[in-house]
């Protein structure tokens, strides 16, 4: 996941107008991890 963040920062350095896609591509893997761990805590 660190590679995704650094790629997003590089993309923003090249073209600052792509902030929305960079934010989505950075937040999406993190939210998948959180949603994947949620049943672990709700199942108990």
PDB file of N, CA and C in Angstrom:
ATOM      1  N   UNK A   1       0.792  -1.196   0.000  1.00  0.00           N
ATOM      2  CA  UNK A   1       0.000   0.000   0.000  1.00  0.00           C
ATOM      3  C   UNK A   1       0.841   1.269   0.000  1.00  0.00           C
ATOM      4  N   UNK A   2       2.058   1.243   0.508  1.00  0.00           N
ATOM      5  CA  UNK A   2       2.864   2.470   0.393  1.00  0.00           C
ATOM      6  C   UNK A   2       3.142   2.859  -1.053  1.00  0.00           C
ATOM      7  N   UNK A   3       3.189   1.885  -1.950  1.00  0.00           N
ATOM      8  CA  UNK A   3       3.441   2.208  -3.355  1.00  0.00           C
ATOM      9  C   UNK A   3       2.279   2.984  -3.958  1.00  0.00           C
ATOM     10  N   UNK A   4       1.071   2.709  -3.482  1.00  0.00           N
ATOM     11  CA  UNK A   4      -0.097   3.427  -3.998  1.00  0.00           C
ATOM     12  C   UNK A   4      -0.035   4.894  -3.588  1.00  0.00           C
ATOM     13  N   UNK A   5       0.323   5.141  -2.341  1.00  0.00           N
ATOM     14  CA  UNK A   5       0.407   6.518  -1.865  1.00  0.00           C
ATOM     15  C   UNK A   5       1.486   7.314  -2.571  1.00  0.00           C
ATOM     16  N   UNK A   6       2.638   6.695  -2.760  1.00  0.00           N
ATOM     17  CA  UNK A   6       3.714   7.421  -3.441  1.00  0.00           C
ATOM     18  C   UNK A   6       3.391   7.640  -4.912  1.00  0.00           C
ATOM     19  N   UNK A   7       2.682   6.703  -5.524  1.00  0.00           N
ATOM     20  CA  UNK A   7       2.265   6.903  -6.916  1.00  0.00           C
ATOM     21  C   UNK A   7       1.255   8.039  -7.015  1.00  0.00           C
ATOM     22  N   UNK A   8       0.359   8.136  -6.033  1.00  0.00           N
ATOM     23  CA  UNK A   8      -0.626   9.220  -6.040  1.00  0.00           C
ATOM     24  C   UNK A   8       0.056  10.572  -5.863  1.00  0.00           C
ATOM     25  N   UNK A   9       1.059  10.635  -4.995  1.00  0.00           N
ATOM     26  CA  UNK A   9       1.787  11.893  -4.800  1.00  0.00           C
ATOM     27  C   UNK A   9       2.544  12.269  -6.069  1.00  0.00           C
ATOM     28  N   UNK A  10       3.125  11.290  -6.739  1.00  0.00           N
ATOM     29  CA  UNK A  10       3.809  11.561  -8.000  1.00  0.00           C
ATOM     30  C   UNK A  10       2.864  12.057  -9.069  1.00  0.00           C
ATOM     31  N   UNK A  11       1.663  11.468  -9.105  1.00  0.00           N
ATOM     32  CA  UNK A  11       0.670  11.907 -10.080  1.00  0.00           C
ATOM     33  C   UNK A  11       0.240  13.347  -9.792  1.00  0.00           C
ATOM     34  N   UNK A  12       0.077  13.676  -8.513  1.00  0.00           N
ATOM     35  CA  UNK A  12      -0.299  15.049  -8.158  1.00  0.00           C
ATOM     36  C   UNK A  12       0.829  16.031  -8.460  1.00  0.00           C
ATOM     37  N   UNK A  13       2.071  15.591  -8.354  1.00  0.00           N
ATOM     38  CA  UNK A  13       3.189  16.473  -8.685  1.00  0.00           C
ATOM     39  C   UNK A  13       3.203  16.801 -10.174  1.00  0.00           C
ATOM     40  N   UNK A  14       2.797  15.840 -10.986  1.00  0.00           N
ATOM     41  CA  UNK A  14       2.744  16.066 -12.433  1.00  0.00           C
ATOM     42  C   UNK A  14       1.535  16.904 -12.836  1.00  0.00           C
ATOM     43  N   UNK A  15       0.378  16.584 -12.234  1.00  0.00           N
ATOM     44  CA  UNK A  15      -0.869  17.254 -12.629  1.00  0.00           C
ATOM     45  C   UNK A  15      -1.741  17.413 -11.391  1.00  0.00           C
ATOM     46  N   UNK A  16      -1.793  18.617 -10.851  1.00  0.00           N
ATOM     47  CA  UNK A  16      -2.536  18.871  -9.626  1.00  0.00           C
ATOM     48  C   UNK A  16      -4.040  18.775  -9.765  1.00  0.00           C
ATOM     49  N   UNK A  17      -4.545  18.716 -10.989  1.00  0.00           N
ATOM     50  CA  UNK A  17      -5.997  18.653 -11.170  1.00  0.00           C
ATOM     51  C   UNK A  17      -6.550  17.249 -10.934  1.00  0.00           C
ATOM     52  N   UNK A  18      -5.694  16.281 -10.720  1.00  0.00           N
ATOM     53  CA  UNK A  18      -6.136  14.904 -10.523  1.00  0.00           C
ATOM     54  C   UNK A  18      -6.202  14.540  -9.041  1.00  0.00           C
ATOM     55  N   UNK A  19      -6.581  15.494  -8.207  1.00  0.00           N
ATOM     56  CA  UNK A  19      -6.640  15.250  -6.768  1.00  0.00           C
ATOM     57  C   UNK A  19      -7.729  14.247  -6.414  1.00  0.00           C
ATOM     58  N   UNK A  20      -8.883  14.325  -7.067  1.00  0.00           N
ATOM     59  CA  UNK A  20      -9.987  13.404  -6.777  1.00  0.00           C
ATOM     60  C   UNK A  20      -9.631  11.951  -7.022  1.00  0.00           C
ATOM     61  N   UNK A  21      -9.143  11.611  -8.226  1.00  0.00           N
ATOM     62  CA  UNK A  21      -8.746  10.211  -8.450  1.00  0.00           C
ATOM     63  C   UNK A  21      -7.619   9.750  -7.523  1.00  0.00           C
ATOM     64  N   UNK A  22      -6.696  10.643  -7.207  1.00  0.00           N
ATOM     65  CA  UNK A  22      -5.608  10.264  -6.297  1.00  0.00           C
ATOM     66  C   UNK A  22      -6.154   9.944  -4.916  1.00  0.00           C
ATOM     67  N   UNK A  23      -7.112  10.716  -4.460  1.00  0.00           N
ATOM     68  CA  UNK A  23      -7.715  10.461  -3.155  1.00  0.00           C
ATOM     69  C   UNK A  23      -8.476   9.145  -3.149  1.00  0.00           C
ATOM     70  N   UNK A  24      -9.204   8.869  -4.221  1.00  0.00           N
ATOM     71  CA  UNK A  24      -9.959   7.615  -4.308  1.00  0.00           C
ATOM     72  C   UNK A  24      -9.012   6.425  -4.329  1.00  0.00           C
ATOM     73  N   UNK A  25      -7.966   6.485  -5.150  1.00  0.00           N
ATOM     74  CA  UNK A  25      -7.042   5.361  -5.254  1.00  0.00           C
ATOM     75  C   UNK A  25      -6.238   5.159  -3.979  1.00  0.00           C
ATOM     76  N   UNK A  26      -6.079   6.199  -3.177  1.00  0.00           N
ATOM     77  CA  UNK A  26      -5.374   6.059  -1.913  1.00  0.00           C
ATOM     78  C   UNK A  26      -6.296   5.529  -0.826  1.00  0.00           C
ATOM     79  N   UNK A  27      -7.539   5.987  -0.792  1.00  0.00           N
ATOM     80  CA  UNK A  27      -8.465   5.598   0.272  1.00  0.00           C
ATOM     81  C   UNK A  27      -9.122   4.249   0.029  1.00  0.00           C
ATOM     82  N   UNK A  28      -9.241   3.822  -1.215  1.00  0.00           N
ATOM     83  CA  UNK A  28      -9.939   2.575  -1.522  1.00  0.00           C
ATOM     84  C   UNK A  28      -9.284   1.354  -0.881  1.00  0.00           C
ATOM     85  N   UNK A  29      -7.980   1.149  -0.989  1.00  0.00           N
ATOM     86  CA  UNK A  29      -7.397  -0.036  -0.336  1.00  0.00           C
ATOM     87  C   UNK A  29      -7.533  -0.009   1.178  1.00  0.00           C
ATOM     88  N   UNK A  30      -7.438   1.180   1.764  1.00  0.00           N
ATOM     89  CA  UNK A  30      -7.583   1.276   3.214  1.00  0.00           C
ATOM     90  C   UNK A  30      -8.993   0.919   3.655  1.00  0.00           C
ATOM     91  N   UNK A  31      -9.993   1.378   2.912  1.00  0.00           N
ATOM     92  CA  UNK A  31     -11.373   1.079   3.291  1.00  0.00           C
ATOM     93  C   UNK A  31     -11.690  -0.395   3.082  1.00  0.00           C
ATOM     94  N   UNK A  32     -11.070  -1.038   2.094  1.00  0.00           N
ATOM     95  CA  UNK A  32     -11.289  -2.471   1.896  1.00  0.00           C
ATOM     96  C   UNK A  32     -10.738  -3.250   3.086  1.00  0.00           C
ATOM     97  N   UNK A  33      -9.601  -2.843   3.622  1.00  0.00           N
ATOM     98  CA  UNK A  33      -9.034  -3.512   4.793  1.00  0.00           C
ATOM     99  C   UNK A  33      -9.951  -3.334   5.995  1.00  0.00           C
ATOM    100  N   UNK A  34     -10.477  -2.141   6.190  1.00  0.00           N
ATOM    101  CA  UNK A  34     -11.371  -1.887   7.323  1.00  0.00           C
ATOM    102  C   UNK A  34     -12.654  -2.696   7.183  1.00  0.00           C
ATOM    103  N   UNK A  35     -13.238  -2.704   5.990  1.00  0.00           N
ATOM    104  CA  UNK A  35     -14.471  -3.463   5.787  1.00  0.00           C
ATOM    105  C   UNK A  35     -14.221  -4.964   5.868  1.00  0.00           C
ATOM    106  N   UNK A  36     -13.036  -5.413   5.532  1.00  0.00           N
ATOM    107  CA  UNK A  36     -12.713  -6.827   5.661  1.00  0.00           C
ATOM    108  C   UNK A  36     -12.538  -7.252   7.104  1.00  0.00           C
ATOM    109  N   UNK A  37     -12.065  -6.358   7.954  1.00  0.00           N
ATOM    110  CA  UNK A  37     -11.869  -6.673   9.367  1.00  0.00           C
ATOM    111  C   UNK A  37     -13.142  -6.490  10.180  1.00  0.00           C
ATOM    112  N   UNK A  38     -14.110  -5.800   9.655  1.00  0.00           N
ATOM    113  CA  UNK A  38     -15.345  -5.529  10.390  1.00  0.00           C
ATOM    114  C   UNK A  38     -16.083  -6.802  10.798  1.00  0.00           C
ATOM    115  N   UNK A  39     -16.254  -7.806   9.929  1.00  0.00           N
ATOM    116  CA  UNK A  39     -16.940  -9.040  10.362  1.00  0.00           C
ATOM    117  C   UNK A  39     -16.201  -9.782  11.470  1.00  0.00           C
ATOM    118  N   UNK A  40     -14.901  -9.598  11.554  1.00  0.00           N
ATOM    119  CA  UNK A  40     -14.136 -10.231  12.623  1.00  0.00           C
ATOM    120  C   UNK A  40     -14.613  -9.746  13.988  1.00  0.00           C
ATOM    121  N   UNK A  41     -14.884  -8.453  14.094  1.00  0.00           N
ATOM    122  CA  UNK A  41     -15.323  -7.897  15.368  1.00  0.00           C
ATOM    123  C   UNK A  41     -16.824  -8.059  15.584  1.00  0.00           C
ATOM    124  N   UNK A  42     -17.595  -8.061  14.520  1.00  0.00           N
ATOM    125  CA  UNK A  42     -19.041  -8.213  14.659  1.00  0.00           C
ATOM    126  C   UNK A  42     -19.452  -9.664  14.872  1.00  0.00           C
ATOM    127  N   UNK A  43     -18.599 -10.605  14.503  1.00  0.00           N
ATOM    128  CA  UNK A  43     -18.936 -12.017  14.621  1.00  0.00           C
ATOM    129  C   UNK A  43     -18.860 -12.545  16.039  1.00  0.00           C
ATOM    130  N   UNK A  44     -18.214 -11.825  16.938  1.00  0.00           N
ATOM    131  CA  UNK A  44     -18.064 -12.323  18.314  1.00  0.00           C
ATOM    132  C   UNK A  44     -19.254 -12.077  19.139  1.00  0.00           C
TER     133      UNK A  44
END
